[in-house]
PDB file of N, CA and C in Angstrom:
ATOM      1  N   MET A   1       0.766  -1.278   0.045  1.00  0.00           N
ATOM      2  CA  MET A   1       0.118   0.009  -0.145  1.00  0.00           C
ATOM      3  C   MET A   1       0.918   1.240  -0.095  1.00  0.00           C
ATOM      4  N   GLU A   2       0.355   2.272  -0.841  1.00  0.00           N
ATOM      5  CA  GLU A   2       1.233   3.515  -0.908  1.00  0.00           C
ATOM      6  C   GLU A   2       1.090   4.231   0.554  1.00  0.00           C
ATOM      7  N   SER A   3       2.146   4.774   1.015  1.00  0.00           N
ATOM      8  CA  SER A   3       2.089   5.520   2.246  1.00  0.00           C
ATOM      9  C   SER A   3       1.528   6.882   2.060  1.00  0.00           C
ATOM     10  N   LEU A   4       0.525   7.143   3.034  1.00  0.00           N
ATOM     11  CA  LEU A   4      -0.251   8.501   2.894  1.00  0.00           C
ATOM     12  C   LEU A   4      -0.122   9.158   4.143  1.00  0.00           C
ATOM     13  N   PHE A   5       0.124  10.487   3.999  1.00  0.00           N
ATOM     14  CA  PHE A   5       0.252  11.262   5.229  1.00  0.00           C
ATOM     15  C   PHE A   5      -0.485  12.630   4.990  1.00  0.00           C
ATOM     16  N   ALA A   6      -1.225  13.092   6.101  1.00  0.00           N
ATOM     17  CA  ALA A   6      -2.089  14.197   5.907  1.00  0.00           C
ATOM     18  C   ALA A   6      -1.417  15.526   6.101  1.00  0.00           C
ATOM     19  N   TYR A   7      -2.160  16.565   5.746  1.00  0.00           N
ATOM     20  CA  TYR A   7      -1.584  17.875   5.827  1.00  0.00           C
ATOM     21  C   TYR A   7      -0.669  18.233   7.027  1.00  0.00           C
ATOM     22  N   CYS A   8      -1.261  17.668   8.192  1.00  0.00           N
ATOM     23  CA  CYS A   8      -0.524  17.863   9.462  1.00  0.00           C
ATOM     24  C   CYS A   8       0.525  16.916   9.908  1.00  0.00           C
ATOM     25  N   GLY A   9       0.874  15.962   8.848  1.00  0.00           N
ATOM     26  CA  GLY A   9       1.879  15.037   9.130  1.00  0.00           C
ATOM     27  C   GLY A   9       1.383  13.570   9.736  1.00  0.00           C
ATOM     28  N   LEU A  10       0.115  13.570  10.165  1.00  0.00           N
ATOM     29  CA  LEU A  10      -0.385  12.154  10.503  1.00  0.00           C
ATOM     30  C   LEU A  10      -0.312  11.219   9.385  1.00  0.00           C
ATOM     31  N   GLN A  11      -0.051   9.997   9.824  1.00  0.00           N
ATOM     32  CA  GLN A  11       0.231   8.831   8.907  1.00  0.00           C
ATOM     33  C   GLN A  11      -1.310   8.310   8.639  1.00  0.00           C
ATOM     34  N   CYS A  12      -2.063   8.699   7.513  1.00  0.00           N
ATOM     35  CA  CYS A  12      -3.500   8.082   7.326  1.00  0.00           C
ATOM     36  C   CYS A  12      -3.495   6.745   7.361  1.00  0.00           C
ATOM     37  N   ASP A  13      -2.675   6.110   6.648  1.00  0.00           N
ATOM     38  CA  ASP A  13      -2.901   4.579   6.443  1.00  0.00           C
ATOM     39  C   ASP A  13      -2.517   3.834   7.806  1.00  0.00           C
ATOM     40  N   GLU A  14      -2.160   4.534   8.852  1.00  0.00           N
ATOM     41  CA  GLU A  14      -1.790   3.737  10.182  1.00  0.00           C
ATOM     42  C   GLU A  14      -3.057   4.211  11.087  1.00  0.00           C
ATOM     43  N   CYS A  15      -3.747   4.927  10.625  1.00  0.00           N
ATOM     44  CA  CYS A  15      -5.009   5.430  11.324  1.00  0.00           C
ATOM     45  C   CYS A  15      -6.173   4.506  11.635  1.00  0.00           C
ATOM     46  N   PRO A  16      -6.480   4.175  12.840  1.00  0.00           N
ATOM     47  CA  PRO A  16      -7.757   3.269  13.048  1.00  0.00           C
ATOM     48  C   PRO A  16      -8.948   3.522  12.134  1.00  0.00           C
ATOM     49  N   ALA A  17      -9.336   4.773  11.977  1.00  0.00           N
ATOM     50  CA  ALA A  17     -10.498   5.134  11.285  1.00  0.00           C
ATOM     51  C   ALA A  17     -10.205   4.765   9.774  1.00  0.00           C
ATOM     52  N   TYR A  18      -9.113   5.145   9.486  1.00  0.00           N
ATOM     53  CA  TYR A  18      -8.660   4.700   7.839  1.00  0.00           C
ATOM     54  C   TYR A  18      -8.810   3.262   7.688  1.00  0.00           C
ATOM     55  N   GLN A  19      -8.096   2.477   8.552  1.00  0.00           N
ATOM     56  CA  GLN A  19      -8.050   1.070   8.478  1.00  0.00           C
ATOM     57  C   GLN A  19      -9.397   0.459   8.360  1.00  0.00           C
ATOM     58  N   ALA A  20     -10.180   0.960   9.323  1.00  0.00           N
ATOM     59  CA  ALA A  20     -11.650   0.289   9.507  1.00  0.00           C
ATOM     60  C   ALA A  20     -12.479   0.756   8.263  1.00  0.00           C
ATOM     61  N   THR A  21     -12.325   1.915   7.772  1.00  0.00           N
ATOM     62  CA  THR A  21     -12.979   2.311   6.456  1.00  0.00           C
ATOM     63  C   THR A  21     -12.628   1.366   5.285  1.00  0.00           C
ATOM     64  N   ILE A  22     -11.250   1.111   5.123  1.00  0.00           N
ATOM     65  CA  ILE A  22     -10.852   0.416   4.053  1.00  0.00           C
ATOM     66  C   ILE A  22     -11.278  -1.178   4.205  1.00  0.00           C
ATOM     67  N   SER A  23     -11.299  -1.468   5.471  1.00  0.00           N
ATOM     68  CA  SER A  23     -11.657  -2.968   5.616  1.00  0.00           C
ATOM     69  C   SER A  23     -13.293  -3.156   5.328  1.00  0.00           C
ATOM     70  N   GLU A  24     -13.981  -2.137   5.579  1.00  0.00           N
ATOM     71  CA  GLU A  24     -15.362  -2.215   5.373  1.00  0.00           C
ATOM     72  C   GLU A  24     -16.084  -3.111   6.347  1.00  0.00           C
ATOM     73  N   LYS A  25     -15.422  -3.356   7.641  1.00  0.00           N
ATOM     74  CA  LYS A  25     -15.942  -4.193   8.588  1.00  0.00           C
ATOM     75  C   LYS A  25     -16.612  -3.357   9.657  1.00  0.00           C
ATOM     76  N   ILE A  26     -17.797  -3.526   9.786  1.00  0.00           N
ATOM     77  CA  ILE A  26     -18.582  -2.767  10.883  1.00  0.00           C
ATOM     78  C   ILE A  26     -18.050  -3.015  12.224  1.00  0.00           C
ATOM     79  N   GLU A  27     -17.589  -4.264  12.589  1.00  0.00           N
ATOM     80  CA  GLU A  27     -16.933  -4.451  13.970  1.00  0.00           C
ATOM     81  C   GLU A  27     -15.714  -3.717  14.216  1.00  0.00           C
ATOM     82  N   GLU A  28     -14.947  -3.567  12.985  1.00  0.00           N
ATOM     83  CA  GLU A  28     -13.628  -2.614  13.260  1.00  0.00           C
ATOM     84  C   GLU A  28     -14.144  -1.185  13.475  1.00  0.00           C
ATOM     85  N   LYS A  29     -15.155  -0.761  12.810  1.00  0.00           N
ATOM     86  CA  LYS A  29     -15.728   0.633  12.836  1.00  0.00           C
ATOM     87  C   LYS A  29     -16.272   0.678  14.475  1.00  0.00           C
ATOM     88  N   GLU A  30     -16.965  -0.172  14.905  1.00  0.00           N
ATOM     89  CA  GLU A  30     -17.511  -0.063  16.108  1.00  0.00           C
ATOM     90  C   GLU A  30     -16.462  -0.032  17.273  1.00  0.00           C
ATOM     91  N   LYS A  31     -15.271  -0.904  17.018  1.00  0.00           N
ATOM     92  CA  LYS A  31     -14.121  -0.883  17.991  1.00  0.00           C
ATOM     93  C   LYS A  31     -13.540   0.522  18.079  1.00  0.00           C
ATOM     94  N   VAL A  32     -13.368   1.168  17.001  1.00  0.00           N
ATOM     95  CA  VAL A  32     -12.557   2.441  16.998  1.00  0.00           C
ATOM     96  C   VAL A  32     -13.545   3.453  17.521  1.00  0.00           C
ATOM     97  N   ALA A  33     -14.932   3.438  17.193  1.00  0.00           N
ATOM     98  CA  ALA A  33     -15.741   4.188  17.783  1.00  0.00           C
ATOM     99  C   ALA A  33     -15.856   4.095  19.293  1.00  0.00           C
ATOM    100  N   LYS A  34     -15.779   2.968  19.828  1.00  0.00           N
ATOM    101  CA  LYS A  34     -15.703   2.940  21.379  1.00  0.00           C
ATOM    102  C   LYS A  34     -14.493   3.396  21.846  1.00  0.00           C
ATOM    103  N   LEU A  35     -13.354   3.080  21.344  1.00  0.00           N
ATOM    104  CA  LEU A  35     -12.096   3.571  21.840  1.00  0.00           C
ATOM    105  C   LEU A  35     -12.028   5.038  21.906  1.00  0.00           C
ATOM    106  N   TRP A  36     -12.362   5.757  20.587  1.00  0.00           N
ATOM    107  CA  TRP A  36     -12.234   7.040  20.396  1.00  0.00           C
ATOM    108  C   TRP A  36     -13.371   7.862  21.310  1.00  0.00           C
ATOM    109  N   SER A  37     -14.417   7.259  21.569  1.00  0.00           N
ATOM    110  CA  SER A  37     -15.482   7.760  22.528  1.00  0.00           C
ATOM    111  C   SER A  37     -14.866   7.849  23.923  1.00  0.00           C
ATOM    112  N   LYS A  38     -14.200   6.955  24.359  1.00  0.00           N
ATOM    113  CA  LYS A  38     -13.553   6.824  25.706  1.00  0.00           C
ATOM    114  C   LYS A  38     -12.400   7.991  25.619  1.00  0.00           C
ATOM    115  N   GLU A  39     -11.717   7.806  24.659  1.00  0.00           N
ATOM    116  CA  GLU A  39     -10.358   8.618  24.644  1.00  0.00           C
ATOM    117  C   GLU A  39     -10.531  10.189  24.546  1.00  0.00           C
ATOM    118  N   PHE A  40     -11.759  10.547  23.736  1.00  0.00           N
ATOM    119  CA  PHE A  40     -11.857  11.970  23.550  1.00  0.00           C
ATOM    120  C   PHE A  40     -13.190  12.532  24.142  1.00  0.00           C
ATOM    121  N   GLY A  41     -13.700  11.686  24.827  1.00  0.00           N
ATOM    122  CA  GLY A  41     -14.998  12.264  25.562  1.00  0.00           C
ATOM    123  C   GLY A  41     -15.930  12.598  24.747  1.00  0.00           C
ATOM    124  N   VAL A  42     -16.118  12.018  23.403  1.00  0.00           N
ATOM    125  CA  VAL A  42     -17.234  12.384  22.370  1.00  0.00           C
ATOM    126  C   VAL A  42     -17.910  11.053  22.161  1.00  0.00           C
ATOM    127  N   ASN A  43     -19.065  11.028  21.920  1.00  0.00           N
ATOM    128  CA  ASN A  43     -19.854   9.796  21.689  1.00  0.00           C
ATOM    129  C   ASN A  43     -19.979   9.541  20.189  1.00  0.00           C
ATOM    130  N   PHE A  44     -18.980   8.595  19.660  1.00  0.00           N
ATOM    131  CA  PHE A  44     -18.769   8.380  18.237  1.00  0.00           C
ATOM    132  C   PHE A  44     -19.670   7.048  18.188  1.00  0.00           C
ATOM    133  N   THR A  45     -20.066   6.857  16.941  1.00  0.00           N
ATOM    134  CA  THR A  45     -20.771   5.655  16.668  1.00  0.00           C
ATOM    135  C   THR A  45     -19.951   5.106  15.328  1.00  0.00           C
ATOM    136  N   ALA A  46     -20.226   3.677  15.115  1.00  0.00           N
ATOM    137  CA  ALA A  46     -19.516   3.237  13.817  1.00  0.00           C
ATOM    138  C   ALA A  46     -19.868   4.060  12.570  1.00  0.00           C
ATOM    139  N   ALA A  47     -20.994   4.696  12.493  1.00  0.00           N
ATOM    140  CA  ALA A  47     -21.345   5.463  11.313  1.00  0.00           C
ATOM    141  C   ALA A  47     -20.262   6.693  11.162  1.00  0.00           C
ATOM    142  N   ASP A  48     -19.836   7.116  12.221  1.00  0.00           N
ATOM    143  CA  ASP A  48     -18.838   8.194  12.204  1.00  0.00           C
ATOM    144  C   ASP A  48     -17.405   7.808  11.857  1.00  0.00           C
ATOM    145  N   ILE A  49     -17.200   6.540  11.933  1.00  0.00           N
ATOM    146  CA  ILE A  49     -15.893   6.088  11.582  1.00  0.00           C
ATOM    147  C   ILE A  49     -15.783   5.812  10.001  1.00  0.00           C
ATOM    148  N   ASN A  50     -15.377   6.938   9.405  1.00  0.00           N
ATOM    149  CA  ASN A  50     -15.328   6.763   7.816  1.00  0.00           C
ATOM    150  C   ASN A  50     -14.323   7.799   7.392  1.00  0.00           C
ATOM    151  N   CYS A  51     -13.173   7.341   6.768  1.00  0.00           N
ATOM    152  CA  CYS A  51     -12.330   8.327   6.390  1.00  0.00           C
ATOM    153  C   CYS A  51     -11.252   7.542   5.437  1.00  0.00           C
ATOM    154  N   THR A  52     -10.870   8.036   4.364  1.00  0.00           N
ATOM    155  CA  THR A  52      -9.826   7.686   3.458  1.00  0.00           C
ATOM    156  C   THR A  52      -8.695   8.799   3.415  1.00  0.00           C
ATOM    157  N   GLY A  53      -8.680   9.662   4.381  1.00  0.00           N
ATOM    158  CA  GLY A  53      -7.788  10.575   4.444  1.00  0.00           C
ATOM    159  C   GLY A  53      -8.262  12.117   4.062  1.00  0.00           C
ATOM    160  N   CYS A  54      -7.816  13.025   4.806  1.00  0.00           N
ATOM    161  CA  CYS A  54      -8.133  14.258   4.534  1.00  0.00           C
ATOM    162  C   CYS A  54      -7.870  14.936   3.247  1.00  0.00           C
ATOM    163  N   LYS A  55      -6.844  14.528   2.371  1.00  0.00           N
ATOM    164  CA  LYS A  55      -6.459  14.959   1.263  1.00  0.00           C
ATOM    165  C   LYS A  55      -7.091  14.058  -0.163  1.00  0.00           C
ATOM    166  N   SER A  56      -7.969  13.092   0.315  1.00  0.00           N
ATOM    167  CA  SER A  56      -8.451  11.991  -0.663  1.00  0.00           C
ATOM    168  C   SER A  56      -9.789  12.637  -1.146  1.00  0.00           C
ATOM    169  N   LYS A  57     -10.138  12.041  -2.223  1.00  0.00           N
ATOM    170  CA  LYS A  57     -11.519  12.536  -2.839  1.00  0.00           C
ATOM    171  C   LYS A  57     -12.667  11.740  -2.112  1.00  0.00           C
ATOM    172  N   GLY A  58     -12.188  10.709  -1.247  1.00  0.00           N
ATOM    173  CA  GLY A  58     -13.271   9.962  -0.747  1.00  0.00           C
ATOM    174  C   GLY A  58     -13.865  10.474   0.463  1.00  0.00           C
ATOM    175  N   VAL A  59     -14.436   9.777   1.390  1.00  0.00           N
ATOM    176  CA  VAL A  59     -14.954  10.121   2.635  1.00  0.00           C
ATOM    177  C   VAL A  59     -13.957  10.643   3.631  1.00  0.00           C
ATOM    178  N   LYS A  60     -14.321  11.418   4.357  1.00  0.00           N
ATOM    179  CA  LYS A  60     -13.519  12.005   5.438  1.00  0.00           C
ATOM    180  C   LYS A  60     -14.078  12.086   6.678  1.00  0.00           C
ATOM    181  N   PHE A  61     -13.332  11.974   7.798  1.00  0.00           N
ATOM    182  CA  PHE A  61     -13.715  11.995   9.132  1.00  0.00           C
ATOM    183  C   PHE A  61     -14.596  13.574   9.290  1.00  0.00           C
ATOM    184  N   SER A  62     -15.420  13.471  10.200  1.00  0.00           N
ATOM    185  CA  SER A  62     -16.235  14.631  10.248  1.00  0.00           C
ATOM    186  C   SER A  62     -15.318  15.905  10.727  1.00  0.00           C
ATOM    187  N   HIS A  63     -14.349  15.696  11.303  1.00  0.00           N
ATOM    188  CA  HIS A  63     -13.485  16.763  11.917  1.00  0.00           C
ATOM    189  C   HIS A  63     -12.833  17.468  10.763  1.00  0.00           C
ATOM    190  N   CYS A  64     -12.655  16.799   9.765  1.00  0.00           N
ATOM    191  CA  CYS A  64     -11.954  17.264   8.597  1.00  0.00           C
ATOM    192  C   CYS A  64     -12.411  18.694   8.103  1.00  0.00           C
ATOM    193  N   GLY A  65     -13.845  18.670   8.128  1.00  0.00           N
ATOM    194  CA  GLY A  65     -14.525  19.893   7.584  1.00  0.00           C
ATOM    195  C   GLY A  65     -14.452  21.150   8.603  1.00  0.00           C
ATOM    196  N   ASN A  66     -13.898  20.890   9.897  1.00  0.00           N
ATOM    197  CA  ASN A  66     -13.720  22.094  10.684  1.00  0.00           C
ATOM    198  C   ASN A  66     -12.309  22.298  11.012  1.00  0.00           C
ATOM    199  N   CYS A  67     -11.403  21.519  10.525  1.00  0.00           N
ATOM    200  CA  CYS A  67      -9.905  21.566  10.740  1.00  0.00           C
ATOM    201  C   CYS A  67      -9.462  22.752  10.327  1.00  0.00           C
ATOM    202  N   GLU A  68      -8.740  23.536  11.040  1.00  0.00           N
ATOM    203  CA  GLU A  68      -7.868  24.683  10.672  1.00  0.00           C
ATOM    204  C   GLU A  68      -6.647  24.544   9.788  1.00  0.00           C
ATOM    205  N   ILE A  69      -6.206  23.222  10.060  1.00  0.00           N
ATOM    206  CA  ILE A  69      -5.083  22.782   9.258  1.00  0.00           C
ATOM    207  C   ILE A  69      -5.347  22.463   7.819  1.00  0.00           C
ATOM    208  N   VAL A  70      -6.585  21.758   7.658  1.00  0.00           N
ATOM    209  CA  VAL A  70      -7.020  21.501   6.336  1.00  0.00           C
ATOM    210  C   VAL A  70      -7.241  22.795   5.567  1.00  0.00           C
ATOM    211  N   LYS A  71      -8.063  23.752   6.384  1.00  0.00           N
ATOM    212  CA  LYS A  71      -8.533  24.865   5.534  1.00  0.00           C
ATOM    213  C   LYS A  71      -7.112  25.592   5.200  1.00  0.00           C
ATOM    214  N   CYS A  72      -6.338  25.790   6.075  1.00  0.00           N
ATOM    215  CA  CYS A  72      -5.037  26.569   5.690  1.00  0.00           C
ATOM    216  C   CYS A  72      -4.291  26.178   4.450  1.00  0.00           C
ATOM    217  N   ASN A  73      -4.135  24.662   4.541  1.00  0.00           N
ATOM    218  CA  ASN A  73      -3.413  24.167   3.564  1.00  0.00           C
ATOM    219  C   ASN A  73      -4.115  24.151   2.089  1.00  0.00           C
ATOM    220  N   LYS A  74      -5.439  24.067   2.128  1.00  0.00           N
ATOM    221  CA  LYS A  74      -6.198  24.216   1.019  1.00  0.00           C
ATOM    222  C   LYS A  74      -6.157  25.784   0.454  1.00  0.00           C
ATOM    223  N   GLU A  75      -6.230  26.744   1.429  1.00  0.00           N
ATOM    224  CA  GLU A  75      -6.271  28.014   0.936  1.00  0.00           C
ATOM    225  C   GLU A  75      -4.825  28.341   0.440  1.00  0.00           C
ATOM    226  N   LYS A  76      -3.709  27.905   0.867  1.00  0.00           N
ATOM    227  CA  LYS A  76      -2.453  28.150   0.487  1.00  0.00           C
ATOM    228  C   LYS A  76      -2.084  27.207  -0.781  1.00  0.00           C
ATOM    229  N   GLU A  77      -3.046  26.237  -1.087  1.00  0.00           N
ATOM    230  CA  GLU A  77      -2.643  25.148  -1.965  1.00  0.00           C
ATOM    231  C   GLU A  77      -1.511  24.525  -1.798  1.00  0.00           C
ATOM    232  N   LEU A  78      -1.271  24.011  -0.520  1.00  0.00           N
ATOM    233  CA  LEU A  78      -0.027  23.187  -0.083  1.00  0.00           C
ATOM    234  C   LEU A  78      -0.189  21.669  -0.004  1.00  0.00           C
ATOM    235  N   GLU A  79       0.823  20.942  -0.035  1.00  0.00           N
ATOM    236  CA  GLU A  79       0.690  19.570  -0.085  1.00  0.00           C
ATOM    237  C   GLU A  79       0.652  19.110   1.327  1.00  0.00           C
ATOM    238  N   ASN A  80       1.283  19.921   2.046  1.00  0.00           N
ATOM    239  CA  ASN A  80       1.219  19.540   3.707  1.00  0.00           C
ATOM    240  C   ASN A  80       1.859  20.844   4.462  1.00  0.00           C
ATOM    241  N   CYS A  81       1.764  20.717   5.701  1.00  0.00           N
ATOM    242  CA  CYS A  81       2.400  22.012   6.464  1.00  0.00           C
ATOM    243  C   CYS A  81       3.944  22.079   6.358  1.00  0.00           C
ATOM    244  N   GLY A  82       4.583  20.973   6.087  1.00  0.00           N
ATOM    245  CA  GLY A  82       6.006  21.056   5.961  1.00  0.00           C
ATOM    246  C   GLY A  82       6.619  21.976   4.739  1.00  0.00           C
ATOM    247  N   VAL A  83       5.910  22.131   3.718  1.00  0.00           N
ATOM    248  CA  VAL A  83       6.196  23.030   2.639  1.00  0.00           C
ATOM    249  C   VAL A  83       5.940  24.526   2.930  1.00  0.00           C
ATOM    250  N   CYS A  84       5.077  24.735   3.928  1.00  0.00           N
ATOM    251  CA  CYS A  84       4.732  26.141   4.429  1.00  0.00           C
ATOM    252  C   CYS A  84       5.847  26.973   4.809  1.00  0.00           C
ATOM    253  N   ASP A  85       6.050  28.283   4.399  1.00  0.00           N
ATOM    254  CA  ASP A  85       7.162  29.157   4.832  1.00  0.00           C
ATOM    255  C   ASP A  85       6.918  29.484   6.344  1.00  0.00           C
ATOM    256  N   ASP A  86       5.620  29.345   6.788  1.00  0.00           N
ATOM    257  CA  ASP A  86       5.425  29.552   8.243  1.00  0.00           C
ATOM    258  C   ASP A  86       5.581  28.467   9.169  1.00  0.00           C
ATOM    259  N   TYR A  87       6.099  27.299   8.555  1.00  0.00           N
ATOM    260  CA  TYR A  87       6.006  26.140   9.455  1.00  0.00           C
ATOM    261  C   TYR A  87       7.246  26.069  10.448  1.00  0.00           C
ATOM    262  N   PRO A  88       6.958  25.795  11.744  1.00  0.00           N
ATOM    263  CA  PRO A  88       5.573  25.335  12.313  1.00  0.00           C
ATOM    264  C   PRO A  88       5.144  26.570  12.789  1.00  0.00           C
ATOM    265  N   CYS A  89       3.774  26.343  13.048  1.00  0.00           N
ATOM    266  CA  CYS A  89       2.966  27.498  13.466  1.00  0.00           C
ATOM    267  C   CYS A  89       1.834  26.891  14.361  1.00  0.00           C
ATOM    268  N   ASN A  90       1.046  27.795  15.094  1.00  0.00           N
ATOM    269  CA  ASN A  90       0.086  27.485  16.238  1.00  0.00           C
ATOM    270  C   ASN A  90      -0.825  26.511  15.658  1.00  0.00           C
ATOM    271  N   LYS A  91      -1.225  26.522  14.349  1.00  0.00           N
ATOM    272  CA  LYS A  91      -2.545  25.814  13.796  1.00  0.00           C
ATOM    273  C   LYS A  91      -2.012  24.249  14.047  1.00  0.00           C
ATOM    274  N   VAL A  92      -0.826  23.980  13.821  1.00  0.00           N
ATOM    275  CA  VAL A  92      -0.459  22.516  13.914  1.00  0.00           C
ATOM    276  C   VAL A  92       0.366  22.133  14.991  1.00  0.00           C
ATOM    277  N   ASP A  93       0.781  22.976  15.895  1.00  0.00           N
ATOM    278  CA  ASP A  93       1.585  22.834  17.077  1.00  0.00           C
ATOM    279  C   ASP A  93       0.934  21.657  17.882  1.00  0.00           C
ATOM    280  N   HIS A  94      -0.279  21.596  18.121  1.00  0.00           N
ATOM    281  CA  HIS A  94      -0.971  20.584  18.966  1.00  0.00           C
ATOM    282  C   HIS A  94      -0.702  19.263  18.410  1.00  0.00           C
ATOM    283  N   VAL A  95      -0.700  19.087  17.031  1.00  0.00           N
ATOM    284  CA  VAL A  95      -0.443  17.787  16.617  1.00  0.00           C
ATOM    285  C   VAL A  95       1.028  17.328  16.671  1.00  0.00           C
ATOM    286  N   LEU A  96       2.007  18.274  16.433  1.00  0.00           N
ATOM    287  CA  LEU A  96       3.323  18.073  16.589  1.00  0.00           C
ATOM    288  C   LEU A  96       3.747  17.614  18.017  1.00  0.00           C
ATOM    289  N   THR A  97       3.084  18.159  18.921  1.00  0.00           N
ATOM    290  CA  THR A  97       3.394  17.869  20.327  1.00  0.00           C
ATOM    291  C   THR A  97       2.786  16.443  20.744  1.00  0.00           C
ATOM    292  N   ALA A  98       1.589  16.127  20.271  1.00  0.00           N
ATOM    293  CA  ALA A  98       0.901  14.723  20.509  1.00  0.00           C
ATOM    294  C   ALA A  98       1.443  13.693  19.802  1.00  0.00           C
ATOM    295  N   VAL A  99       1.934  13.876  18.514  1.00  0.00           N
ATOM    296  CA  VAL A  99       2.297  12.795  17.702  1.00  0.00           C
ATOM    297  C   VAL A  99       3.810  12.999  17.151  1.00  0.00           C
ATOM    298  N   PRO A 100       4.867  12.968  17.943  1.00  0.00           N
ATOM    299  CA  PRO A 100       6.030  12.956  17.540  1.00  0.00           C
ATOM    300  C   PRO A 100       6.656  12.617  15.956  1.00  0.00           C
ATOM    301  N   ALA A 101       5.966  11.556  15.458  1.00  0.00           N
ATOM    302  CA  ALA A 101       6.182  10.962  14.189  1.00  0.00           C
ATOM    303  C   ALA A 101       5.740  11.974  13.153  1.00  0.00           C
ATOM    304  N   ALA A 102       4.559  12.701  13.553  1.00  0.00           N
ATOM    305  CA  ALA A 102       4.187  13.651  12.471  1.00  0.00           C
ATOM    306  C   ALA A 102       5.005  14.841  12.361  1.00  0.00           C
ATOM    307  N   LYS A 103       5.519  15.397  13.506  1.00  0.00           N
ATOM    308  CA  LYS A 103       6.545  16.300  13.617  1.00  0.00           C
ATOM    309  C   LYS A 103       7.824  15.844  12.718  1.00  0.00           C
ATOM    310  N   ASP A 104       8.330  14.545  12.914  1.00  0.00           N
ATOM    311  CA  ASP A 104       9.430  14.173  12.048  1.00  0.00           C
ATOM    312  C   ASP A 104       9.156  14.201  10.635  1.00  0.00           C
ATOM    313  N   ARG A 105       8.077  13.776  10.144  1.00  0.00           N
ATOM    314  CA  ARG A 105       7.739  13.736   8.775  1.00  0.00           C
ATOM    315  C   ARG A 105       7.598  15.295   8.314  1.00  0.00           C
ATOM    316  N   LEU A 106       6.978  16.066   8.997  1.00  0.00           N
ATOM    317  CA  LEU A 106       6.859  17.401   8.397  1.00  0.00           C
ATOM    318  C   LEU A 106       8.332  18.175   8.485  1.00  0.00           C
ATOM    319  N   ASP A 107       9.033  18.085   9.637  1.00  0.00           N
ATOM    320  CA  ASP A 107      10.397  18.540   9.715  1.00  0.00           C
ATOM    321  C   ASP A 107      11.112  18.138   8.505  1.00  0.00           C
ATOM    322  N   ALA A 108      11.105  16.724   8.216  1.00  0.00           N
ATOM    323  CA  ALA A 108      11.981  16.302   7.042  1.00  0.00           C
ATOM    324  C   ALA A 108      11.617  17.098   5.639  1.00  0.00           C
ATOM    325  N   VAL A 109      10.103  17.157   5.658  1.00  0.00           N
ATOM    326  CA  VAL A 109       9.732  17.881   4.366  1.00  0.00           C
ATOM    327  C   VAL A 109      10.197  19.407   4.317  1.00  0.00           C
ATOM    328  N   HIS A 110      10.220  19.922   5.440  1.00  0.00           N
ATOM    329  CA  HIS A 110      10.650  21.446   5.638  1.00  0.00           C
ATOM    330  C   HIS A 110      11.975  21.611   5.396  1.00  0.00           C
ATOM    331  N   GLN A 111      12.863  20.624   5.948  1.00  0.00           N
ATOM    332  CA  GLN A 111      14.088  20.933   5.867  1.00  0.00           C
ATOM    333  C   GLN A 111      14.720  20.629   4.305  1.00  0.00           C
ATOM    334  N   ALA A 112      14.077  19.697   3.590  1.00  0.00           N
ATOM    335  CA  ALA A 112      14.263  19.344   2.208  1.00  0.00           C
ATOM    336  C   ALA A 112      13.777  20.652   1.434  1.00  0.00           C
ATOM    337  N   LYS A 113      12.779  21.297   1.650  1.00  0.00           N
ATOM    338  CA  LYS A 113      12.357  22.507   1.069  1.00  0.00           C
ATOM    339  C   LYS A 113      13.631  23.672   1.175  1.00  0.00           C
ATOM    340  N   GLN A 114      14.015  23.657   2.302  1.00  0.00           N
ATOM    341  CA  GLN A 114      15.104  24.642   2.522  1.00  0.00           C
ATOM    342  C   GLN A 114      16.380  24.488   1.679  1.00  0.00           C
ATOM    343  N   ARG A 115      16.553  23.326   1.300  1.00  0.00           N
ATOM    344  CA  ARG A 115      17.855  23.122   0.591  1.00  0.00           C
ATOM    345  C   ARG A 115      17.896  23.751  -0.807  1.00  0.00           C
TER     346      ARG A 115
END
């Protein structure tokens, strides 16, 4: 499978919502909904667990429609935050802090751009 990463550096194809969507197994979606409901304090259902990545033309997780990172990258017509002249910024800082691998991916992109 081709490796996919989101505007914020998250690895889409490693995301439980992405994997459950691709598998098309309701029990996988239910498992993710239960886990995320507990983890994030929001009542998710299996129907909420549908995502093929925020940059895909397919289904997206509901948060993508409200995500400042997605909006910013689309407005600037960027592939991801790492290619932005303003990287890192306060819009993506919470992701970079919570997911060090996302920071590593975007740092590598940003460093390559600077060369």
